[in-house]
Structure formats: structure tokens, C-alpha cells
N, C-alpha and C. Protein backbone atom coordinates (compact mmCIF):
# COMPACT_ATOMS: atom_id res chain seq x y z
N MET A 1 102.04 107.38 80.87
CA MET A 1 101.87 108.79 79.77
C MET A 1 103.38 109.37 79.80
N ASP A 2 104.03 109.57 78.81
CA ASP A 2 105.52 110.14 78.98
C ASP A 2 106.00 111.12 78.03
N ASN A 3 106.94 112.42 78.44
CA ASN A 3 107.25 113.32 77.54
C ASN A 3 108.18 113.77 76.64
N PHE A 4 108.82 112.27 76.70
CA PHE A 4 109.98 111.89 75.40
C PHE A 4 110.04 110.63 75.20
N ASP A 5 111.30 110.29 74.03
CA ASP A 5 111.13 108.85 73.82
C ASP A 5 112.73 108.50 74.60
N TRP A 6 112.78 107.08 74.34
CA TRP A 6 114.15 106.61 74.32
C TRP A 6 114.99 106.46 73.28
N VAL A 7 116.05 106.60 72.90
CA VAL A 7 116.71 106.70 71.91
C VAL A 7 117.71 105.94 71.37
N ARG A 8 118.02 105.20 70.23
CA ARG A 8 118.92 104.45 70.00
C ARG A 8 120.17 104.88 69.54
N HIS A 9 121.01 104.75 69.93
CA HIS A 9 122.27 105.26 69.70
C HIS A 9 123.70 104.91 69.92
N ARG A 10 124.89 105.32 69.25
CA ARG A 10 125.96 104.71 69.24
C ARG A 10 126.97 105.79 69.51
N GLY A 11 128.06 105.21 70.38
CA GLY A 11 129.29 106.19 70.94
C GLY A 11 128.66 107.06 72.26
N GLN A 12 129.35 107.95 72.17
CA GLN A 12 129.22 108.72 73.34
C GLN A 12 128.27 109.91 73.03
N THR A 13 127.18 110.01 74.28
CA THR A 13 126.50 110.48 73.71
C THR A 13 126.13 112.41 73.79
N GLY A 14 125.64 113.06 73.79
CA GLY A 14 125.98 114.24 73.47
C GLY A 14 126.47 115.36 74.36
N SER A 15 126.38 115.08 75.61
CA SER A 15 126.66 115.53 76.61
C SER A 15 127.93 115.34 77.55
N THR A 16 129.20 116.18 78.04
CA THR A 16 129.93 115.57 78.65
C THR A 16 129.58 115.29 80.11
N GLY A 17 130.40 114.29 80.90
CA GLY A 17 130.01 114.20 82.19
C GLY A 17 129.11 113.67 82.06
N THR A 18 128.47 112.67 81.36
CA THR A 18 127.37 111.93 81.49
C THR A 18 127.08 110.60 80.10
N GLY A 19 126.72 109.44 80.27
CA GLY A 19 126.20 108.73 79.44
C GLY A 19 127.70 108.05 79.07
N PRO A 20 127.47 106.76 78.62
CA PRO A 20 128.70 105.79 78.41
C PRO A 20 129.12 106.24 76.98
N ASN A 21 130.48 105.66 76.84
CA ASN A 21 130.84 106.28 75.40
C ASN A 21 130.95 104.69 74.13
N VAL A 22 130.74 103.78 74.94
CA VAL A 22 130.32 102.79 74.40
C VAL A 22 129.36 101.98 74.75
N ASP A 23 128.63 100.92 73.62
CA ASP A 23 127.73 100.10 74.22
C ASP A 23 128.50 98.65 74.98
N HIS A 24 127.36 98.08 75.81
CA HIS A 24 127.69 96.95 76.22
C HIS A 24 128.15 95.57 75.62
N THR A 25 127.30 95.29 74.61
CA THR A 25 127.35 94.15 74.00
C THR A 25 128.75 94.50 73.16
N THR A 26 129.10 95.07 72.30
CA THR A 26 130.44 94.97 71.63
C THR A 26 131.64 95.73 72.57
N ASN A 27 131.45 96.66 73.19
CA ASN A 27 132.40 97.53 74.02
C ASN A 27 133.30 98.70 73.01
N SER A 28 132.25 98.83 71.86
CA SER A 28 132.83 99.77 71.08
C SER A 28 132.02 100.77 70.70
N VAL A 29 132.35 101.31 69.75
CA VAL A 29 131.34 102.73 69.45
C VAL A 29 130.22 102.17 67.96
N ARG A 30 130.89 100.71 67.62
CA ARG A 30 129.91 100.17 66.55
C ARG A 30 128.56 99.85 67.18
N GLY A 31 128.51 99.21 68.46
CA GLY A 31 127.46 98.63 68.94
C GLY A 31 126.67 100.19 69.22
N ALA A 32 125.15 99.58 69.26
CA ALA A 32 123.89 100.83 69.81
C ALA A 32 123.51 100.01 71.17
N TYR A 33 122.88 100.97 71.70
CA TYR A 33 121.98 100.92 73.01
C TYR A 33 121.40 102.09 73.36
N MET A 34 120.23 101.82 73.97
CA MET A 34 119.33 102.82 74.05
C MET A 34 119.61 104.04 75.10
N TYR A 35 118.85 105.13 75.11
CA TYR A 35 119.47 106.23 75.90
C TYR A 35 118.04 107.28 76.09
N ILE A 36 118.19 108.05 77.28
CA ILE A 36 117.50 109.20 77.54
C ILE A 36 118.46 110.15 77.76
N GLU A 37 118.09 111.18 77.08
CA GLU A 37 118.66 112.46 76.53
C GLU A 37 118.56 113.44 77.47
N SER A 38 119.37 113.87 78.52
CA SER A 38 118.69 114.67 79.61
C SER A 38 118.76 116.12 79.14
N SER A 39 119.29 116.43 77.97
CA SER A 39 119.69 118.04 78.05
C SER A 39 118.09 118.50 77.33
N SER A 40 118.43 120.04 77.57
CA SER A 40 117.03 120.86 77.06
C SER A 40 116.48 120.46 76.03
N PRO A 41 115.22 120.04 75.60
CA PRO A 41 114.36 120.78 76.49
C PRO A 41 113.55 120.26 77.75
N ARG A 42 114.41 119.04 78.37
CA ARG A 42 113.79 117.98 79.03
C ARG A 42 114.05 119.10 80.45
N LEU A 43 113.10 118.72 81.10
CA LEU A 43 112.86 119.42 82.59
C LEU A 43 112.68 118.08 83.68
N LEU A 44 112.96 118.96 84.92
CA LEU A 44 112.98 117.93 86.12
C LEU A 44 111.73 117.00 85.94
N GLY A 45 112.08 115.72 86.36
CA GLY A 45 110.74 114.70 86.36
C GLY A 45 110.25 114.57 84.89
N HIS A 46 110.61 115.04 83.91
CA HIS A 46 110.09 114.20 82.61
C HIS A 46 110.31 112.87 82.49
N LYS A 47 109.53 111.83 81.81
CA LYS A 47 109.70 110.80 81.74
C LYS A 47 109.47 110.16 80.45
N ALA A 48 110.55 108.96 80.02
CA ALA A 48 110.14 108.35 78.68
C ALA A 48 110.35 106.68 79.49
N ILE A 49 109.12 106.38 78.49
CA ILE A 49 109.25 105.00 78.78
C ILE A 49 109.09 104.05 77.43
N LEU A 50 110.20 103.13 77.52
CA LEU A 50 110.34 101.71 76.53
C LEU A 50 109.44 100.61 76.63
N VAL A 51 108.53 100.42 75.93
CA VAL A 51 107.78 99.29 76.45
C VAL A 51 108.06 97.94 75.31
N SER A 52 108.29 96.74 76.07
CA SER A 52 108.78 95.75 75.09
C SER A 52 107.82 94.87 74.34
N PRO A 53 107.95 94.05 73.19
CA PRO A 53 107.03 93.11 72.72
C PRO A 53 106.30 92.74 73.84
N LYS A 54 104.80 92.25 73.04
CA LYS A 54 104.02 91.47 74.32
C LYS A 54 104.66 89.95 73.98
N TYR A 55 104.84 89.52 75.50
CA TYR A 55 105.69 88.01 75.53
C TYR A 55 104.20 87.14 76.24
N LYS A 56 104.34 85.98 75.62
CA LYS A 56 103.41 84.55 75.82
C LYS A 56 103.41 84.89 77.26
N PRO A 57 102.08 83.65 77.72
CA PRO A 57 102.06 83.20 78.92
C PRO A 57 103.15 82.39 79.64
N ILE A 58 103.91 82.23 80.41
CA ILE A 58 104.84 81.29 80.71
C ILE A 58 104.30 80.32 82.16
N ASP A 59 104.53 79.37 82.04
CA ASP A 59 104.03 78.42 83.09
C ASP A 59 105.08 78.35 84.40
N ASN A 60 106.59 78.51 83.88
CA ASN A 60 107.59 78.37 85.07
C ASN A 60 107.85 79.87 85.24
N ALA A 61 108.77 80.13 86.54
CA ALA A 61 109.28 81.39 86.34
C ALA A 61 110.67 81.69 85.45
N GLU A 62 110.57 82.58 84.86
CA GLU A 62 111.87 83.06 83.78
C GLU A 62 112.88 84.18 84.71
N CYS A 63 114.16 84.43 84.16
CA CYS A 63 114.91 85.34 84.64
C CYS A 63 114.92 86.61 83.80
N ALA A 64 114.75 87.75 84.07
CA ALA A 64 115.12 88.62 83.19
C ALA A 64 116.27 89.58 83.36
N THR A 65 117.26 89.74 82.39
CA THR A 65 118.38 90.67 82.84
C THR A 65 118.53 91.66 81.76
N PHE A 66 119.24 92.71 82.22
CA PHE A 66 119.66 93.75 81.21
C PHE A 66 120.89 94.84 81.85
N TRP A 67 121.57 95.18 81.23
CA TRP A 67 122.36 95.96 81.22
C TRP A 67 122.24 97.84 81.55
N TYR A 68 122.91 98.04 82.43
CA TYR A 68 122.28 99.47 82.49
C TYR A 68 123.57 100.65 82.99
N HIS A 69 123.49 101.85 82.71
CA HIS A 69 124.37 102.42 82.86
C HIS A 69 123.81 104.10 83.07
N MET A 70 124.21 104.55 84.49
CA MET A 70 123.71 105.64 85.22
C MET A 70 125.02 106.18 85.37
N TYR A 71 125.43 107.29 84.81
CA TYR A 71 126.61 108.18 84.82
C TYR A 71 126.40 109.71 85.01
N GLY A 72 126.73 110.46 85.71
CA GLY A 72 126.41 112.18 85.74
C GLY A 72 125.81 112.25 87.39
N ALA A 73 126.11 113.75 87.14
CA ALA A 73 126.03 114.23 88.57
C ALA A 73 124.22 114.65 88.86
N ASP A 74 123.72 114.33 87.50
CA ASP A 74 122.30 114.96 87.74
C ASP A 74 121.48 113.43 87.45
N ILE A 75 121.43 112.28 87.54
CA ILE A 75 120.87 111.42 87.48
C ILE A 75 119.63 111.40 87.99
N GLY A 76 118.91 110.93 87.20
CA GLY A 76 117.24 110.93 87.89
C GLY A 76 117.09 109.31 88.46
N ARG A 77 116.13 108.60 87.68
CA ARG A 77 115.99 107.26 88.04
C ARG A 77 115.61 106.29 86.97
N LEU A 78 115.85 105.46 87.06
CA LEU A 78 115.15 104.16 86.26
C LEU A 78 114.75 103.02 86.92
N ASN A 79 113.13 103.12 86.42
CA ASN A 79 112.04 102.24 86.95
C ASN A 79 112.13 101.25 85.72
N VAL A 80 111.51 99.77 86.48
CA VAL A 80 111.38 98.65 85.49
C VAL A 80 109.75 98.22 86.23
N TYR A 81 108.96 98.05 85.01
CA TYR A 81 107.74 97.75 85.45
C TYR A 81 107.27 96.52 84.76
N LEU A 82 106.85 95.34 85.43
CA LEU A 82 106.01 94.31 84.48
C LEU A 82 104.65 94.49 84.40
N GLN A 83 104.15 94.62 83.34
CA GLN A 83 102.85 94.82 82.91
C GLN A 83 101.84 93.44 82.60
N ARG A 84 101.13 92.90 83.40
CA ARG A 84 100.51 91.70 82.96
C ARG A 84 99.31 92.09 82.27
N GLU A 85 98.75 91.28 81.06
CA GLU A 85 97.48 91.77 80.60
C GLU A 85 96.43 91.95 81.48
N ASN A 86 95.80 93.21 81.54
CA ASN A 86 94.28 92.96 82.40
C ASN A 86 94.61 93.33 83.69
N SER A 87 95.97 93.86 84.01
CA SER A 87 96.36 94.01 85.37
C SER A 87 97.35 95.30 85.48
N ASN A 88 97.38 95.37 86.83
CA ASN A 88 97.94 97.28 86.88
C ASN A 88 99.68 96.15 87.26
N LYS A 89 100.11 97.34 86.42
CA LYS A 89 101.85 97.38 86.42
C LYS A 89 102.62 97.02 87.54
N THR A 90 103.27 96.48 87.71
CA THR A 90 104.11 96.33 89.09
C THR A 90 105.40 96.29 88.71
N LEU A 91 105.93 97.44 89.90
CA LEU A 91 107.41 97.72 90.02
C LEU A 91 108.28 96.55 90.24
N VAL A 92 109.17 96.15 89.43
CA VAL A 92 110.07 94.98 89.61
C VAL A 92 111.66 95.26 90.00
N TYR A 93 111.85 96.62 89.34
CA TYR A 93 113.18 97.01 89.65
C TYR A 93 113.11 98.61 89.47
N THR A 94 114.08 99.16 90.34
CA THR A 94 114.19 100.62 90.40
C THR A 94 115.84 100.77 90.89
N GLN A 95 116.11 102.06 90.27
CA GLN A 95 117.81 102.20 90.63
C GLN A 95 117.76 103.90 90.58
N THR A 96 118.51 104.50 91.43
CA THR A 96 118.80 106.00 90.98
C THR A 96 120.24 106.19 91.73
N GLN A 97 120.56 107.62 91.55
CA GLN A 97 121.95 107.87 91.81
C GLN A 97 123.09 107.66 90.93
N ASP A 98 123.87 108.44 90.87
CA ASP A 98 125.65 108.37 89.88
C ASP A 98 126.07 106.99 90.18
N LEU A 99 126.44 106.35 89.69
CA LEU A 99 126.84 105.06 89.47
C LEU A 99 128.35 105.02 89.04
N GLY A 100 128.73 105.81 88.35
CA GLY A 100 130.20 106.00 87.64
C GLY A 100 129.98 105.17 86.24
N ASN A 101 130.92 105.63 85.55
CA ASN A 101 130.84 105.14 84.28
C ASN A 101 131.26 103.93 83.81
N VAL A 102 130.23 103.19 84.44
CA VAL A 102 130.63 101.54 84.11
C VAL A 102 129.08 101.15 83.63
N TRP A 103 129.07 99.83 82.80
CA TRP A 103 127.90 99.27 82.60
C TRP A 103 127.82 98.38 83.93
N ARG A 104 126.14 98.44 84.11
CA ARG A 104 125.80 97.35 85.31
C ARG A 104 124.72 96.42 85.00
N LYS A 105 125.14 95.14 85.64
CA LYS A 105 123.97 94.09 85.37
C LYS A 105 122.63 94.18 86.40
N ALA A 106 121.74 94.04 86.02
CA ALA A 106 120.37 93.68 86.81
C ALA A 106 119.48 92.40 86.32
N ALA A 107 118.95 92.05 87.67
CA ALA A 107 118.06 90.97 87.35
C ALA A 107 116.84 91.22 88.17
N PHE A 108 115.80 90.53 87.66
CA PHE A 108 114.65 90.29 88.08
C PHE A 108 113.97 88.86 87.89
N ASN A 109 113.16 87.96 88.51
CA ASN A 109 112.33 87.34 88.21
C ASN A 109 111.18 87.42 87.36
N ILE A 110 110.79 86.84 86.75
CA ILE A 110 109.16 87.32 86.30
C ILE A 110 108.41 85.63 86.30
N SER A 111 107.47 85.57 87.54
CA SER A 111 106.68 84.42 87.79
C SER A 111 105.60 84.03 86.69
N GLY A 112 105.63 82.56 86.66
CA GLY A 112 104.85 81.87 86.09
C GLY A 112 103.53 82.09 86.03
N SER A 113 102.35 82.48 84.75
CA SER A 113 101.28 83.19 84.85
C SER A 113 100.50 82.43 83.45
N ASN A 114 99.38 82.68 83.58
CA ASN A 114 98.52 82.37 82.36
C ASN A 114 98.32 83.82 81.39
N ALA A 115 98.86 84.95 81.83
CA ALA A 115 98.62 86.15 81.29
C ALA A 115 99.68 86.58 80.44
N PRO A 116 99.69 86.99 79.21
CA PRO A 116 100.62 87.74 77.88
C PRO A 116 101.51 88.78 79.29
N TYR A 117 102.36 88.88 79.35
CA TYR A 117 102.95 90.18 79.43
C TYR A 117 103.89 91.10 78.88
N GLN A 118 104.03 92.34 79.23
CA GLN A 118 105.19 93.23 78.43
C GLN A 118 105.99 94.01 80.24
N VAL A 119 107.01 94.17 79.41
CA VAL A 119 108.22 94.94 80.78
C VAL A 119 108.04 96.71 79.92
N MET A 120 108.12 97.44 80.95
CA MET A 120 108.25 98.81 80.77
C MET A 120 109.85 99.18 81.58
N PHE A 121 110.33 99.64 80.33
CA PHE A 121 111.26 100.71 81.28
C PHE A 121 110.81 102.15 80.90
N GLU A 122 111.40 102.97 82.54
CA GLU A 122 110.78 104.23 82.31
C GLU A 122 112.19 104.84 83.03
N GLY A 123 112.53 105.99 82.34
CA GLY A 123 113.79 106.86 82.88
C GLY A 123 113.25 108.07 83.18
N ILE A 124 113.41 108.46 84.52
CA ILE A 124 113.08 109.52 84.45
C ILE A 124 114.44 110.93 84.84
N ARG A 125 114.01 111.94 84.19
CA ARG A 125 115.17 113.02 83.96
C ARG A 125 115.62 113.54 85.30
N GLY A 126 116.78 113.84 85.60
CA GLY A 126 117.24 114.39 87.06
C GLY A 126 116.97 116.13 87.10
N LYS A 127 117.78 116.78 87.80
CA LYS A 127 117.88 117.95 87.97
C LYS A 127 118.37 118.98 86.82
N ASP A 128 119.38 118.29 86.10
CA ASP A 128 119.75 118.92 85.04
C ASP A 128 120.29 118.09 83.94
N TYR A 129 121.60 118.87 82.66
CA TYR A 129 121.45 117.65 81.66
C TYR A 129 122.58 116.55 81.92
N LYS A 130 123.34 116.27 83.10
CA LYS A 130 123.91 115.28 83.19
C LYS A 130 123.34 114.49 83.87
N GLY A 131 122.61 114.02 83.22
CA GLY A 131 121.47 112.66 83.79
C GLY A 131 120.94 111.68 82.77
N ASP A 132 121.94 111.47 81.76
CA ASP A 132 121.61 110.12 80.69
C ASP A 132 121.62 109.30 81.51
N ILE A 133 120.65 108.40 81.05
CA ILE A 133 120.60 107.16 81.38
C ILE A 133 120.17 105.97 80.34
N SER A 134 121.45 104.60 80.39
CA SER A 134 121.14 103.93 79.02
C SER A 134 120.87 102.46 79.37
N ILE A 135 120.25 101.98 78.65
CA ILE A 135 120.20 100.25 78.88
C ILE A 135 120.80 99.54 77.64
N ASP A 136 120.94 98.45 77.92
CA ASP A 136 121.29 97.48 76.95
C ASP A 136 121.28 95.88 77.05
N ASP A 137 121.24 95.05 76.02
CA ASP A 137 120.99 93.42 76.34
C ASP A 137 120.41 93.03 77.04
N TRP A 138 118.76 93.41 76.64
CA TRP A 138 117.69 92.65 77.52
C TRP A 138 117.57 91.52 77.19
N GLU A 139 117.64 90.77 78.10
CA GLU A 139 117.53 89.36 77.88
C GLU A 139 116.66 88.13 78.93
N LEU A 140 115.71 87.22 78.48
CA LEU A 140 115.04 86.55 79.22
C LEU A 140 115.31 84.81 79.03
N THR A 141 115.95 84.37 80.15
CA THR A 141 116.33 82.64 80.28
C THR A 141 115.38 82.05 81.25
N PRO A 142 114.63 80.61 80.88
CA PRO A 142 114.13 80.08 81.87
C PRO A 142 114.93 79.54 83.16
N GLY A 143 114.00 79.71 84.21
CA GLY A 143 114.51 79.66 85.62
C GLY A 143 114.51 80.74 86.62
N LEU A 144 114.81 80.45 87.54
CA LEU A 144 115.36 81.68 88.51
C LEU A 144 116.46 82.41 88.27
N CYS A 145 117.00 83.64 88.51
CA CYS A 145 118.11 84.08 88.37
C CYS A 145 119.16 83.88 88.96
N ALA A 146 120.41 83.55 88.67
CA ALA A 146 121.38 83.12 89.44
C ALA A 146 121.79 83.81 90.94
N THR A 147 122.14 83.31 91.72
CA THR A 147 122.41 83.81 92.91
C THR A 147 123.39 84.97 92.91
N ASP A 148 124.09 85.06 92.06
CA ASP A 148 125.56 85.93 91.76
C ASP A 148 125.02 87.33 91.09
N ILE A 149 123.72 87.43 90.99
CA ILE A 149 122.98 88.73 90.01
C ILE A 149 122.43 89.17 91.19
N ALA A 150 122.70 90.01 91.87
CA ALA A 150 121.98 90.89 92.86
C ALA A 150 121.43 92.40 92.38
N PRO A 151 120.04 92.79 92.38
CA PRO A 151 119.48 94.01 92.28
C PRO A 151 120.30 95.02 93.24
N PHE A 152 120.49 95.89 92.71
CA PHE A 152 121.18 96.97 93.92
C PHE A 152 120.26 97.53 94.79
N ARG A 153 118.88 97.29 94.40
CA ARG A 153 117.97 98.05 95.37
C ARG A 153 117.55 97.27 96.23
N LEU A 154 117.28 97.02 97.84
CA LEU A 154 117.00 96.53 98.59
C LEU A 154 115.52 97.25 98.95
N CYS A 155 114.65 96.07 98.96
CA CYS A 155 113.64 96.46 99.78
C CYS A 155 113.20 96.57 101.16
N ALA A 156 112.47 97.27 101.62
CA ALA A 156 112.09 97.81 103.21
C ALA A 156 110.65 97.54 103.30
N ASN A 157 110.18 96.18 104.15
CA ASN A 157 109.11 96.16 104.50
C ASN A 157 107.86 95.71 103.49
N THR A 158 108.62 95.24 102.44
CA THR A 158 107.73 95.10 101.03
C THR A 158 108.04 94.04 100.41
N ASP A 159 106.94 93.49 99.49
CA ASP A 159 107.42 92.50 98.40
C ASP A 159 107.33 92.97 97.21
N LEU A 160 108.35 92.94 96.33
CA LEU A 160 108.28 93.70 95.34
C LEU A 160 107.68 92.62 94.03
N ASP A 161 107.46 91.45 94.62
CA ASP A 161 106.78 90.62 93.48
C ASP A 161 105.92 89.81 94.77
N PRO A 162 104.84 90.23 94.78
CA PRO A 162 103.69 89.67 95.56
C PRO A 162 103.08 88.22 95.24
N GLN A 163 103.48 87.83 93.66
CA GLN A 163 102.85 86.41 93.16
C GLN A 163 104.03 85.40 93.60
N LEU A 164 105.46 86.18 93.56
CA LEU A 164 106.50 85.29 93.21
C LEU A 164 106.98 84.72 94.97
N CYS A 165 106.77 85.80 95.48
CA CYS A 165 107.83 85.78 97.31
C CYS A 165 106.76 84.87 98.16
N PRO A 166 105.58 84.69 98.16
CA PRO A 166 105.22 83.25 98.90
C PRO A 166 105.24 82.19 98.31
N VAL A 167 105.75 82.10 96.84
CA VAL A 167 106.06 80.86 96.30
C VAL A 167 107.48 80.66 97.00
N ILE A 168 108.07 81.52 97.13
CA ILE A 168 109.99 81.20 97.89
C ILE A 168 109.62 80.72 98.98
N VAL A 169 109.08 81.51 99.90
CA VAL A 169 108.94 80.93 100.98
C VAL A 169 108.09 79.72 101.32
N ALA A 170 107.23 79.49 100.56
CA ALA A 170 106.95 77.91 100.69
C ALA A 170 107.75 76.96 100.35
N THR A 171 108.88 77.02 99.59
CA THR A 171 109.94 76.18 98.73
C THR A 171 110.99 76.50 99.70
N GLY A 172 111.11 77.52 100.60
CA GLY A 172 112.48 77.43 101.60
C GLY A 172 113.63 77.97 100.76
N GLN A 173 113.02 79.34 99.54
CA GLN A 173 114.16 79.76 99.20
C GLN A 173 114.27 81.07 99.59
N CYS A 174 114.39 81.35 101.18
CA CYS A 174 114.45 82.66 101.18
C CYS A 174 115.71 83.41 101.60
N SER A 175 116.75 82.17 101.08
CA SER A 175 118.23 82.55 101.30
C SER A 175 119.04 83.14 99.83
N HIS A 176 117.80 83.01 99.01
CA HIS A 176 118.04 83.30 97.53
C HIS A 176 118.33 84.48 97.25
N THR A 177 119.30 85.37 96.78
CA THR A 177 119.84 86.18 96.47
C THR A 177 118.39 87.45 96.18
N PHE A 178 117.34 87.02 95.39
CA PHE A 178 116.19 87.66 94.60
C PHE A 178 115.39 87.84 96.13
N ALA A 179 115.29 86.55 96.83
CA ALA A 179 114.58 87.04 98.14
C ALA A 179 115.09 88.29 98.87
N LYS A 180 116.00 88.19 99.12
CA LYS A 180 116.76 89.19 99.83
C LYS A 180 116.27 90.83 99.44
N THR A 181 116.32 90.72 98.44
CA THR A 181 116.08 92.26 97.93
C THR A 181 114.73 92.39 97.34
N HIS A 182 113.84 91.34 97.31
CA HIS A 182 112.35 91.36 96.65
C HIS A 182 111.55 91.22 97.89
N CYS A 183 111.52 90.26 98.50
CA CYS A 183 110.97 89.83 99.33
C CYS A 183 110.96 89.75 101.26
N CYS A 184 111.47 91.29 101.03
CA CYS A 184 111.63 91.68 102.32
C CYS A 184 110.13 91.22 103.77
N ARG A 185 109.48 91.41 103.13
CA ARG A 185 108.01 91.05 103.98
C ARG A 185 107.77 89.76 103.97
N SER A 186 107.75 88.95 103.11
CA SER A 186 107.27 87.72 103.01
C SER A 186 109.20 87.00 104.03
N CYS A 187 110.11 87.38 103.76
CA CYS A 187 111.22 86.93 104.08
C CYS A 187 111.81 88.00 105.30
N PRO A 188 111.37 87.98 106.36
CA PRO A 188 112.09 89.41 107.21
C PRO A 188 113.08 89.53 107.89
N LEU A 189 113.69 88.01 107.86
CA LEU A 189 114.87 87.55 108.36
C LEU A 189 116.08 88.08 107.23
N GLN A 190 115.76 88.43 106.22
CA GLN A 190 116.65 88.94 105.44
C GLN A 190 116.88 90.43 105.51
N CYS A 191 116.18 90.98 106.25
CA CYS A 191 115.52 92.36 106.18
C CYS A 191 117.06 93.03 107.03
N VAL A 192 117.54 93.50 106.98
CA VAL A 192 119.10 93.87 107.64
C VAL A 192 119.43 95.37 107.73
N ASP A 193 119.95 95.70 108.89
CA ASP A 193 120.61 97.17 108.81
C ASP A 193 122.26 97.36 108.39
N LYS A 194 122.46 98.24 107.47
CA LYS A 194 123.78 98.64 107.00
C LYS A 194 124.47 99.39 107.75
N SER A 195 124.08 100.36 109.04
CA SER A 195 124.45 101.20 109.12
C SER A 195 124.13 101.27 110.93
N THR A 196 125.35 101.75 111.49
CA THR A 196 125.01 101.58 113.20
C THR A 196 123.93 102.81 113.68
N ARG A 197 124.01 103.71 112.84
CA ARG A 197 122.96 104.51 113.35
C ARG A 197 121.44 104.70 112.83
N CYS A 198 120.65 103.34 112.43
CA CYS A 198 119.65 103.15 112.04
C CYS A 198 118.59 102.98 113.00
N GLY A 199 118.74 102.82 114.63
CA GLY A 199 118.39 102.94 115.33
C GLY A 199 117.48 104.35 115.87
N LEU A 200 118.62 105.08 115.48
CA LEU A 200 118.64 106.62 115.45
C LEU A 200 117.44 107.13 114.58
N ILE A 201 118.14 106.66 113.48
CA ILE A 201 116.93 106.96 112.16
C ILE A 201 115.61 106.68 112.09
N ALA A 202 115.38 105.41 112.74
CA ALA A 202 113.93 105.02 113.15
C ALA A 202 113.56 105.83 114.09
N GLN A 203 113.82 106.16 115.36
CA GLN A 203 113.35 106.54 116.37
C GLN A 203 112.45 108.30 115.70
N GLY A 204 113.98 108.61 114.77
CA GLY A 204 113.55 110.09 114.30
C GLY A 204 112.67 110.33 113.39
N GLY A 205 112.14 109.07 112.53
CA GLY A 205 111.17 108.98 111.76
C GLY A 205 111.67 109.42 110.50
N LEU A 206 112.54 108.91 110.02
CA LEU A 206 113.27 109.34 109.22
C LEU A 206 113.30 108.45 107.67
N CYS A 207 112.68 106.73 108.33
CA CYS A 207 112.75 105.83 107.17
C CYS A 207 112.32 106.28 106.28
N LYS A 208 111.73 107.13 105.73
CA LYS A 208 110.92 107.26 104.59
C LYS A 208 112.04 108.50 103.77
N ILE A 209 113.23 108.93 104.16
CA ILE A 209 113.85 109.53 103.37
C ILE A 209 114.77 109.04 102.99
N GLY A 210 115.54 109.40 101.52
CA GLY A 210 116.72 109.21 100.85
C GLY A 210 116.86 107.58 100.81
N LYS A 211 118.07 107.32 101.10
CA LYS A 211 118.37 106.13 100.96
C LYS A 211 118.40 105.31 102.39
N PHE A 212 117.60 106.03 103.17
CA PHE A 212 117.25 105.09 104.35
C PHE A 212 116.70 103.68 104.85
N PRO A 213 115.36 103.96 103.77
CA PRO A 213 114.67 102.78 103.60
C PRO A 213 115.95 101.42 103.58
N ASP A 214 116.49 101.49 102.71
CA ASP A 214 117.53 100.70 102.06
C ASP A 214 118.38 100.58 103.05
N GLN A 215 119.15 101.29 103.77
CA GLN A 215 120.02 101.21 104.48
C GLN A 215 119.82 100.65 106.00
N CYS A 216 118.38 101.12 106.26
CA CYS A 216 118.48 100.58 107.73
C CYS A 216 116.72 99.79 107.52
N CYS A 217 116.80 98.44 106.78
CA CYS A 217 115.71 97.84 106.61
C CYS A 217 114.90 97.41 107.74
N LYS A 218 115.90 96.69 108.72
CA LYS A 218 115.49 96.30 109.86
C LYS A 218 114.93 97.08 110.97
N SER A 219 115.52 97.97 111.24
CA SER A 219 114.92 98.97 112.06
C SER A 219 113.73 99.81 111.82
N CYS A 220 113.77 99.99 110.55
CA CYS A 220 112.41 100.84 109.86
C CYS A 220 111.37 99.83 109.96
N LYS A 221 111.49 98.47 109.76
CA LYS A 221 110.54 97.40 109.46
C LYS A 221 109.85 97.43 111.16
N MET A 222 110.80 97.07 112.09
CA MET A 222 110.74 97.20 113.64
C MET A 222 109.57 98.65 113.80
N ALA A 223 109.98 99.69 113.73
CA ALA A 223 109.49 100.92 113.82
C ALA A 223 108.41 100.90 112.98
N GLY A 224 107.81 99.54 112.07
CA GLY A 224 106.47 100.23 111.38
C GLY A 224 106.24 100.75 109.95
N TYR A 225 107.34 100.72 109.76
CA TYR A 225 107.63 101.41 108.41
C TYR A 225 107.28 100.91 106.93
């Protein structure tokens, strides 16, 4: 259940200091994109969910890509879920924080299955009105995603795609970009620390706070998180 809707829009959003000025496709005010408006009456934690059409079952993996824009001091969170028929939804991509006034590309793999599926984009409102989140140019292509398309979120001791990650391990693809960011449990050697303070962070029990799970994947994994 959500609290409000994604809106199809052209040009700049209604608030200054947040949202894009142009779409991604045409890089102009003529093109349209989808976004969540964070101004009143929206409140902290309010959600808007955009659901794709139902796609037919697929035999082999597909690469899903889209462009997103997260600019503003009050950015909340963007979650993307894969919903297979008669199954629980699975988180396949997530991002939070102000990433500047630019469009960025995201990608995730969808493993083959005999069940139809849908993709859900969940925008969560942050603490105030400078939190507009936008998406554009959703696309599906056959095969695994290119190795130069890296999701920004890194996993910590978990597999974000529990169906595909064992296949990646079995076929020796743990060096693939997708595996490094989505298969940290199945491909533990790809789990690394990005800060010299990670040992202290893990010892202090801070592995579930803020960005520490991503920055200190190796130390937090060794500490049992």
C-alpha cells in the first residue's frame, strides 16, 4: 500500500533545490519522466509505488536498466522490487542520499523463471520538501548486465538475488560486477572494506548504522553481521 502516486512530468519540478530540470531521454524540457513530489502534504516516510506491466516468463536472464535522479538535501530512498507471480517481492535495487543534479544509470539482472513477473519502483519521502526522486528510460535486454554498469548499493553478507547468485557461483562468474554488488554471501571474496576504520566500526557494533554496512562489508561480515 502506498500514500501517494508517481507523477509524469516535463521540465523542472515545483520545488527549488531538488528534482531534475530536463528528462534523460531527450535532455530537454520536451521529454517526460516520472517523479515523486515531496512537498506538502507529503510526510516523512510516505511511499509512492509505480508498478510495471506484467511480463511473460523468461527462460534466460535479462538485464533491467533505468536512469534515476536523486538531488536535494532531503532525499529519502528509492527501492526497486521484483515481484514474481505467487511469490514474495524481492529487493533488487536500492539507493538513498543526495547524489547531485545528474541522471545516473542503474542495472540489475532478472533470472529466468517460469513465472510472470512485475517490477515495482518505490519512492519514499525524506524529512522535507527537497526530496524529489525521478526515474526515466526503463529497459529490458536479453543476457546479463554489462560489467561496466555497477549498482551504487553494495551488499553486506547477503544475496540480493538468491535465485541467480548460486548460478553465478556455479558458472565461475563471481568477478562479474553484478556478483560484487549483489552476491556477497555466495561470493564472499568480493566483499571488501572501503575504510581503514572498519575494524573499529565492527568491534563497536556499528555495522547496521547508516553507510557502515556498505563501507565495511568485510569487517562486518567477519563480525557476524
